[in-house]
Amino acid sequence: MRQHRLDPGTTRAATGGARVATDGIQRLMIGSVIDDHGTRLTLSGELDLQTAPELDLYLESILRAPSTRTLLDLTHIEFMDSAGLGVIIRQHQQAQLSGHRLVLRPGHGQVRRLLELTGLNEELTFEDS
């Protein structure tokens, strides 16, 4: 699995691709695996106002690839705010327009509750682990 880690004091992950936080706190990690089912992105940490733009850019590049299915695994996200939701909604709409399929694994706790409160658990496509 390729890992993109948001390391203190850098501007890009060591493997390239995702920008990283410069606030001295590791906030979001993105791991990616490509197999016969498509691309699986495993996120861990926080998906918030500071880290959401980086996921947005990363998903844009993934959704341009020839793969037709991307699984966004949120099971290790500890916190997500409206900025994270905005990225997911925007990229879900873009995926539909391009014939791509964005599927979510919602996780637990605060993230699952946020998806339920906003009604997105009824609007988006989900897959259990």
N, C-alpha and C. Protein backbone atom coordinates (compact mmCIF):
# COMPACT_ATOMS: atom_id res chain seq x y z
N MET A 1 0.84 -1.17 0.00
CA MET A 1 0.00 0.00 0.00
C MET A 1 0.89 1.23 0.00
N ARG A 2 0.58 2.16 -0.86
CA ARG A 2 1.30 3.43 -0.89
C ARG A 2 0.74 4.32 0.20
N GLN A 3 1.61 4.90 0.99
CA GLN A 3 1.17 5.78 2.07
C GLN A 3 1.57 7.21 1.75
N HIS A 4 0.66 8.12 1.95
CA HIS A 4 0.94 9.54 1.87
C HIS A 4 0.73 10.07 3.26
N ARG A 5 1.79 10.49 3.88
CA ARG A 5 1.70 10.91 5.27
C ARG A 5 1.93 12.40 5.35
N LEU A 6 1.12 13.06 6.14
CA LEU A 6 1.27 14.49 6.32
C LEU A 6 2.30 14.72 7.41
N ASP A 7 3.53 14.96 7.02
CA ASP A 7 4.64 15.13 7.94
C ASP A 7 4.86 16.60 8.29
N PRO A 8 5.30 16.85 9.51
CA PRO A 8 5.58 18.22 9.92
C PRO A 8 6.67 18.86 9.07
N GLY A 9 6.45 20.10 8.69
CA GLY A 9 7.49 20.90 8.06
C GLY A 9 7.78 20.57 6.62
N THR A 10 6.98 19.76 5.94
CA THR A 10 7.22 19.48 4.54
C THR A 10 6.04 19.95 3.73
N THR A 11 6.23 19.99 2.42
CA THR A 11 5.12 20.42 1.57
C THR A 11 4.60 19.32 0.67
N ARG A 12 5.31 18.23 0.55
CA ARG A 12 4.82 17.09 -0.23
C ARG A 12 5.20 15.80 0.46
N ALA A 13 4.35 14.79 0.26
CA ALA A 13 4.65 13.47 0.81
C ALA A 13 5.87 12.91 0.10
N ALA A 14 6.58 12.04 0.77
CA ALA A 14 7.81 11.48 0.22
C ALA A 14 7.57 10.74 -1.09
N THR A 15 6.40 10.11 -1.24
CA THR A 15 6.12 9.38 -2.47
C THR A 15 5.48 10.27 -3.53
N GLY A 16 5.32 11.53 -3.25
CA GLY A 16 4.73 12.46 -4.21
C GLY A 16 3.22 12.45 -4.14
N GLY A 17 2.60 13.40 -4.80
CA GLY A 17 1.16 13.42 -4.90
C GLY A 17 0.46 14.32 -3.91
N ALA A 18 0.32 13.90 -2.68
CA ALA A 18 -0.48 14.67 -1.72
C ALA A 18 0.37 15.70 -1.00
N ARG A 19 -0.16 16.90 -0.86
CA ARG A 19 0.53 17.91 -0.06
C ARG A 19 0.40 17.55 1.40
N VAL A 20 1.22 18.15 2.20
CA VAL A 20 1.23 17.78 3.61
C VAL A 20 1.10 19.01 4.50
N ALA A 21 0.69 18.78 5.72
CA ALA A 21 0.51 19.87 6.69
C ALA A 21 1.85 20.41 7.14
N THR A 22 1.88 21.69 7.45
CA THR A 22 3.11 22.30 7.93
C THR A 22 2.94 22.83 9.35
N ASP A 23 1.91 22.37 10.06
CA ASP A 23 1.64 22.88 11.40
C ASP A 23 2.31 22.06 12.50
N GLY A 24 3.14 21.08 12.12
CA GLY A 24 3.84 20.28 13.12
C GLY A 24 3.04 19.11 13.65
N ILE A 25 1.85 18.89 13.13
CA ILE A 25 0.99 17.80 13.60
C ILE A 25 0.64 16.91 12.42
N GLN A 26 0.83 15.63 12.58
CA GLN A 26 0.41 14.69 11.54
C GLN A 26 -1.11 14.61 11.61
N ARG A 27 -1.78 15.01 10.54
CA ARG A 27 -3.24 15.14 10.60
C ARG A 27 -3.98 14.14 9.74
N LEU A 28 -3.41 13.76 8.60
CA LEU A 28 -4.12 12.87 7.70
C LEU A 28 -3.12 12.00 6.95
N MET A 29 -3.44 10.72 6.88
CA MET A 29 -2.66 9.79 6.07
C MET A 29 -3.59 9.18 5.03
N ILE A 30 -3.08 9.03 3.81
CA ILE A 30 -3.84 8.44 2.72
C ILE A 30 -3.03 7.27 2.18
N GLY A 31 -3.58 6.08 2.30
CA GLY A 31 -2.96 4.90 1.71
C GLY A 31 -3.77 4.49 0.49
N SER A 32 -3.11 4.04 -0.56
CA SER A 32 -3.85 3.64 -1.76
C SER A 32 -3.39 2.27 -2.25
N VAL A 33 -4.38 1.50 -2.69
CA VAL A 33 -4.15 0.18 -3.27
C VAL A 33 -4.98 0.09 -4.53
N ILE A 34 -4.37 -0.39 -5.60
CA ILE A 34 -5.09 -0.60 -6.85
C ILE A 34 -5.11 -2.09 -7.11
N ASP A 35 -6.33 -2.64 -7.31
CA ASP A 35 -6.46 -4.07 -7.59
C ASP A 35 -7.56 -4.27 -8.63
N ASP A 36 -8.03 -5.51 -8.79
CA ASP A 36 -9.06 -5.81 -9.79
C ASP A 36 -10.38 -5.11 -9.53
N HIS A 37 -10.62 -4.70 -8.29
CA HIS A 37 -11.88 -4.04 -7.93
C HIS A 37 -11.82 -2.53 -8.13
N GLY A 38 -10.65 -1.99 -8.40
CA GLY A 38 -10.48 -0.55 -8.58
C GLY A 38 -9.44 -0.02 -7.61
N THR A 39 -9.64 1.19 -7.14
CA THR A 39 -8.71 1.85 -6.23
C THR A 39 -9.34 1.93 -4.85
N ARG A 40 -8.57 1.58 -3.83
CA ARG A 40 -9.04 1.73 -2.45
C ARG A 40 -8.15 2.75 -1.76
N LEU A 41 -8.76 3.81 -1.26
CA LEU A 41 -8.05 4.82 -0.48
C LEU A 41 -8.42 4.62 0.98
N THR A 42 -7.42 4.42 1.81
CA THR A 42 -7.64 4.26 3.24
C THR A 42 -7.15 5.52 3.93
N LEU A 43 -8.06 6.22 4.58
CA LEU A 43 -7.73 7.46 5.26
C LEU A 43 -7.64 7.23 6.76
N SER A 44 -6.71 7.92 7.40
CA SER A 44 -6.65 7.89 8.86
C SER A 44 -6.26 9.26 9.36
N GLY A 45 -6.76 9.60 10.53
CA GLY A 45 -6.48 10.90 11.12
C GLY A 45 -7.71 11.78 11.09
N GLU A 46 -7.53 13.03 10.69
CA GLU A 46 -8.60 14.01 10.68
C GLU A 46 -8.84 14.54 9.27
N LEU A 47 -10.11 14.62 8.90
CA LEU A 47 -10.51 15.18 7.62
C LEU A 47 -11.29 16.45 7.92
N ASP A 48 -10.59 17.57 7.86
CA ASP A 48 -11.19 18.83 8.30
C ASP A 48 -10.80 19.96 7.36
N LEU A 49 -11.07 21.17 7.78
CA LEU A 49 -10.81 22.35 6.95
C LEU A 49 -9.37 22.40 6.45
N GLN A 50 -8.44 21.97 7.27
CA GLN A 50 -7.03 22.03 6.89
C GLN A 50 -6.62 20.91 5.94
N THR A 51 -7.14 19.72 6.12
CA THR A 51 -6.70 18.58 5.31
C THR A 51 -7.61 18.26 4.14
N ALA A 52 -8.84 18.72 4.14
CA ALA A 52 -9.79 18.40 3.07
C ALA A 52 -9.32 18.82 1.68
N PRO A 53 -8.69 20.00 1.52
CA PRO A 53 -8.23 20.37 0.17
C PRO A 53 -7.22 19.37 -0.41
N GLU A 54 -6.42 18.78 0.43
CA GLU A 54 -5.44 17.81 -0.07
C GLU A 54 -6.12 16.53 -0.53
N LEU A 55 -7.15 16.08 0.21
CA LEU A 55 -7.90 14.92 -0.24
C LEU A 55 -8.63 15.25 -1.54
N ASP A 56 -9.14 16.44 -1.65
CA ASP A 56 -9.83 16.88 -2.86
C ASP A 56 -8.92 16.75 -4.07
N LEU A 57 -7.71 17.26 -3.98
CA LEU A 57 -6.74 17.16 -5.08
C LEU A 57 -6.39 15.71 -5.38
N TYR A 58 -6.20 14.94 -4.33
CA TYR A 58 -5.83 13.53 -4.50
C TYR A 58 -6.95 12.78 -5.21
N LEU A 59 -8.20 13.00 -4.78
CA LEU A 59 -9.33 12.33 -5.41
C LEU A 59 -9.51 12.77 -6.86
N GLU A 60 -9.27 14.03 -7.14
CA GLU A 60 -9.36 14.51 -8.53
C GLU A 60 -8.44 13.70 -9.44
N SER A 61 -7.22 13.46 -8.99
CA SER A 61 -6.28 12.71 -9.82
C SER A 61 -6.70 11.24 -9.92
N ILE A 62 -7.20 10.66 -8.86
CA ILE A 62 -7.65 9.26 -8.88
C ILE A 62 -8.85 9.10 -9.82
N LEU A 63 -9.78 10.04 -9.75
CA LEU A 63 -11.00 9.92 -10.56
C LEU A 63 -10.76 10.20 -12.03
N ARG A 64 -9.58 10.68 -12.40
CA ARG A 64 -9.22 10.84 -13.80
C ARG A 64 -8.63 9.56 -14.39
N ALA A 65 -8.27 8.62 -13.52
CA ALA A 65 -7.65 7.36 -13.96
C ALA A 65 -8.70 6.47 -14.63
N PRO A 66 -8.25 5.48 -15.40
CA PRO A 66 -9.18 4.62 -16.12
C PRO A 66 -10.02 3.70 -15.22
N SER A 67 -9.62 3.51 -13.98
CA SER A 67 -10.39 2.68 -13.06
C SER A 67 -11.80 3.24 -12.95
N THR A 68 -12.79 2.38 -12.78
CA THR A 68 -14.16 2.86 -12.73
C THR A 68 -14.75 2.84 -11.32
N ARG A 69 -13.98 2.37 -10.34
CA ARG A 69 -14.48 2.30 -8.97
C ARG A 69 -13.41 2.73 -7.98
N THR A 70 -13.78 3.60 -7.07
CA THR A 70 -12.87 4.02 -6.00
C THR A 70 -13.59 3.85 -4.68
N LEU A 71 -12.96 3.12 -3.77
CA LEU A 71 -13.48 2.93 -2.42
C LEU A 71 -12.74 3.89 -1.50
N LEU A 72 -13.49 4.72 -0.81
CA LEU A 72 -12.93 5.67 0.16
C LEU A 72 -13.23 5.11 1.54
N ASP A 73 -12.20 4.54 2.18
CA ASP A 73 -12.35 3.89 3.48
C ASP A 73 -12.12 4.91 4.59
N LEU A 74 -13.19 5.24 5.31
CA LEU A 74 -13.14 6.24 6.38
C LEU A 74 -13.09 5.60 7.77
N THR A 75 -12.85 4.30 7.85
CA THR A 75 -12.93 3.61 9.15
C THR A 75 -11.90 4.10 10.16
N HIS A 76 -10.81 4.69 9.70
CA HIS A 76 -9.77 5.16 10.62
C HIS A 76 -9.75 6.68 10.76
N ILE A 77 -10.78 7.34 10.24
CA ILE A 77 -10.90 8.78 10.42
C ILE A 77 -11.46 9.04 11.82
N GLU A 78 -10.74 9.82 12.58
CA GLU A 78 -11.15 10.12 13.96
C GLU A 78 -12.10 11.30 14.03
N PHE A 79 -11.98 12.22 13.08
CA PHE A 79 -12.81 13.43 13.07
C PHE A 79 -13.00 13.89 11.64
N MET A 80 -14.24 14.30 11.33
CA MET A 80 -14.51 14.88 10.02
C MET A 80 -15.49 16.04 10.22
N ASP A 81 -15.24 17.15 9.53
CA ASP A 81 -16.13 18.30 9.62
C ASP A 81 -16.79 18.54 8.26
N SER A 82 -17.47 19.69 8.13
CA SER A 82 -18.20 20.01 6.90
C SER A 82 -17.27 20.15 5.69
N ALA A 83 -16.03 20.53 5.90
CA ALA A 83 -15.09 20.63 4.78
C ALA A 83 -14.82 19.24 4.20
N GLY A 84 -14.67 18.25 5.07
CA GLY A 84 -14.49 16.87 4.61
C GLY A 84 -15.72 16.37 3.88
N LEU A 85 -16.90 16.67 4.43
CA LEU A 85 -18.15 16.30 3.76
C LEU A 85 -18.25 16.94 2.39
N GLY A 86 -17.86 18.20 2.31
CA GLY A 86 -17.91 18.92 1.04
C GLY A 86 -17.07 18.25 -0.04
N VAL A 87 -15.89 17.80 0.33
CA VAL A 87 -15.02 17.10 -0.62
C VAL A 87 -15.68 15.82 -1.10
N ILE A 88 -16.23 15.07 -0.17
CA ILE A 88 -16.86 13.79 -0.52
C ILE A 88 -18.05 14.03 -1.45
N ILE A 89 -18.89 15.00 -1.14
CA ILE A 89 -20.05 15.30 -1.98
C ILE A 89 -19.61 15.76 -3.37
N ARG A 90 -18.67 16.69 -3.42
CA ARG A 90 -18.19 17.22 -4.71
C ARG A 90 -17.57 16.11 -5.57
N GLN A 91 -16.74 15.30 -4.97
CA GLN A 91 -16.08 14.24 -5.74
C GLN A 91 -17.06 13.13 -6.12
N HIS A 92 -18.06 12.89 -5.30
CA HIS A 92 -19.10 11.92 -5.65
C HIS A 92 -19.86 12.40 -6.89
N GLN A 93 -20.19 13.68 -6.93
CA GLN A 93 -20.88 14.25 -8.09
C GLN A 93 -20.00 14.18 -9.34
N GLN A 94 -18.72 14.52 -9.19
CA GLN A 94 -17.79 14.46 -10.32
C GLN A 94 -17.65 13.02 -10.83
N ALA A 95 -17.59 12.08 -9.90
CA ALA A 95 -17.46 10.67 -10.29
C ALA A 95 -18.67 10.24 -11.12
N GLN A 96 -19.85 10.62 -10.69
CA GLN A 96 -21.06 10.26 -11.43
C GLN A 96 -21.05 10.85 -12.83
N LEU A 97 -20.62 12.09 -12.95
CA LEU A 97 -20.58 12.74 -14.26
C LEU A 97 -19.60 12.07 -15.22
N SER A 98 -18.53 11.51 -14.67
CA SER A 98 -17.50 10.89 -15.51
C SER A 98 -17.66 9.38 -15.66
N GLY A 99 -18.75 8.82 -15.11
CA GLY A 99 -18.96 7.39 -15.22
C GLY A 99 -18.16 6.57 -14.23
N HIS A 100 -17.59 7.22 -13.27
CA HIS A 100 -16.81 6.58 -12.22
C HIS A 100 -17.75 6.30 -11.05
N ARG A 101 -17.36 5.39 -10.18
CA ARG A 101 -18.17 5.07 -9.01
C ARG A 101 -17.36 5.31 -7.75
N LEU A 102 -17.82 6.20 -6.88
CA LEU A 102 -17.17 6.47 -5.60
C LEU A 102 -18.01 5.81 -4.51
N VAL A 103 -17.38 4.87 -3.80
CA VAL A 103 -18.04 4.10 -2.75
C VAL A 103 -17.36 4.42 -1.44
N LEU A 104 -18.13 4.52 -0.36
CA LEU A 104 -17.56 4.85 0.94
C LEU A 104 -17.71 3.70 1.91
N ARG A 105 -16.73 3.55 2.75
CA ARG A 105 -16.81 2.69 3.93
C ARG A 105 -16.83 3.67 5.09
N PRO A 106 -17.99 3.84 5.76
CA PRO A 106 -18.19 4.98 6.65
C PRO A 106 -17.46 4.95 7.98
N GLY A 107 -17.07 3.83 8.46
CA GLY A 107 -16.40 3.83 9.75
C GLY A 107 -17.38 3.86 10.89
N HIS A 108 -17.01 4.54 11.95
CA HIS A 108 -17.80 4.50 13.18
C HIS A 108 -17.79 5.87 13.87
N GLY A 109 -18.43 5.94 15.00
CA GLY A 109 -18.36 7.12 15.84
C GLY A 109 -18.82 8.39 15.18
N GLN A 110 -18.05 9.43 15.36
CA GLN A 110 -18.39 10.78 14.91
C GLN A 110 -18.61 10.84 13.40
N VAL A 111 -17.82 10.12 12.64
CA VAL A 111 -17.94 10.17 11.17
C VAL A 111 -19.28 9.57 10.74
N ARG A 112 -19.61 8.42 11.26
CA ARG A 112 -20.88 7.77 10.92
C ARG A 112 -22.06 8.67 11.35
N ARG A 113 -21.95 9.24 12.53
CA ARG A 113 -23.02 10.11 13.04
C ARG A 113 -23.20 11.34 12.14
N LEU A 114 -22.11 11.93 11.69
CA LEU A 114 -22.17 13.09 10.80
C LEU A 114 -22.87 12.73 9.49
N LEU A 115 -22.55 11.57 8.94
CA LEU A 115 -23.18 11.13 7.70
C LEU A 115 -24.68 10.90 7.91
N GLU A 116 -25.05 10.37 9.07
CA GLU A 116 -26.47 10.16 9.38
C GLU A 116 -27.21 11.48 9.57
N LEU A 117 -26.61 12.40 10.34
CA LEU A 117 -27.27 13.69 10.63
C LEU A 117 -27.51 14.51 9.36
N THR A 118 -26.61 14.40 8.41
CA THR A 118 -26.73 15.18 7.17
C THR A 118 -27.58 14.46 6.12
N GLY A 119 -27.96 13.22 6.38
CA GLY A 119 -28.74 12.44 5.44
C GLY A 119 -27.92 11.84 4.31
N LEU A 120 -26.61 12.01 4.36
CA LEU A 120 -25.76 11.47 3.29
C LEU A 120 -25.69 9.95 3.31
N ASN A 121 -26.01 9.35 4.45
CA ASN A 121 -26.03 7.89 4.51
C ASN A 121 -27.12 7.32 3.60
N GLU A 122 -28.09 8.16 3.19
CA GLU A 122 -29.14 7.75 2.27
C GLU A 122 -28.83 8.14 0.83
N GLU A 123 -27.92 9.05 0.62
CA GLU A 123 -27.65 9.60 -0.71
C GLU A 123 -26.42 9.00 -1.39
N LEU A 124 -25.40 8.65 -0.60
CA LEU A 124 -24.16 8.14 -1.15
C LEU A 124 -24.16 6.62 -1.17
N THR A 125 -23.20 6.03 -1.86
CA THR A 125 -23.08 4.58 -1.93
C THR A 125 -22.10 4.11 -0.86
N PHE A 126 -22.54 3.14 -0.05
CA PHE A 126 -21.70 2.65 1.04
C PHE A 126 -21.47 1.16 0.91
N GLU A 127 -20.35 0.74 1.48
CA GLU A 127 -19.98 -0.67 1.52
C GLU A 127 -19.43 -0.95 2.90
N ASP A 128 -19.89 -2.05 3.51
CA ASP A 128 -19.34 -2.44 4.81
C ASP A 128 -18.02 -3.15 4.60
N SER A 129 -17.22 -3.19 5.68
CA SER A 129 -15.90 -3.85 5.58
C SER A 129 -16.03 -5.35 5.55
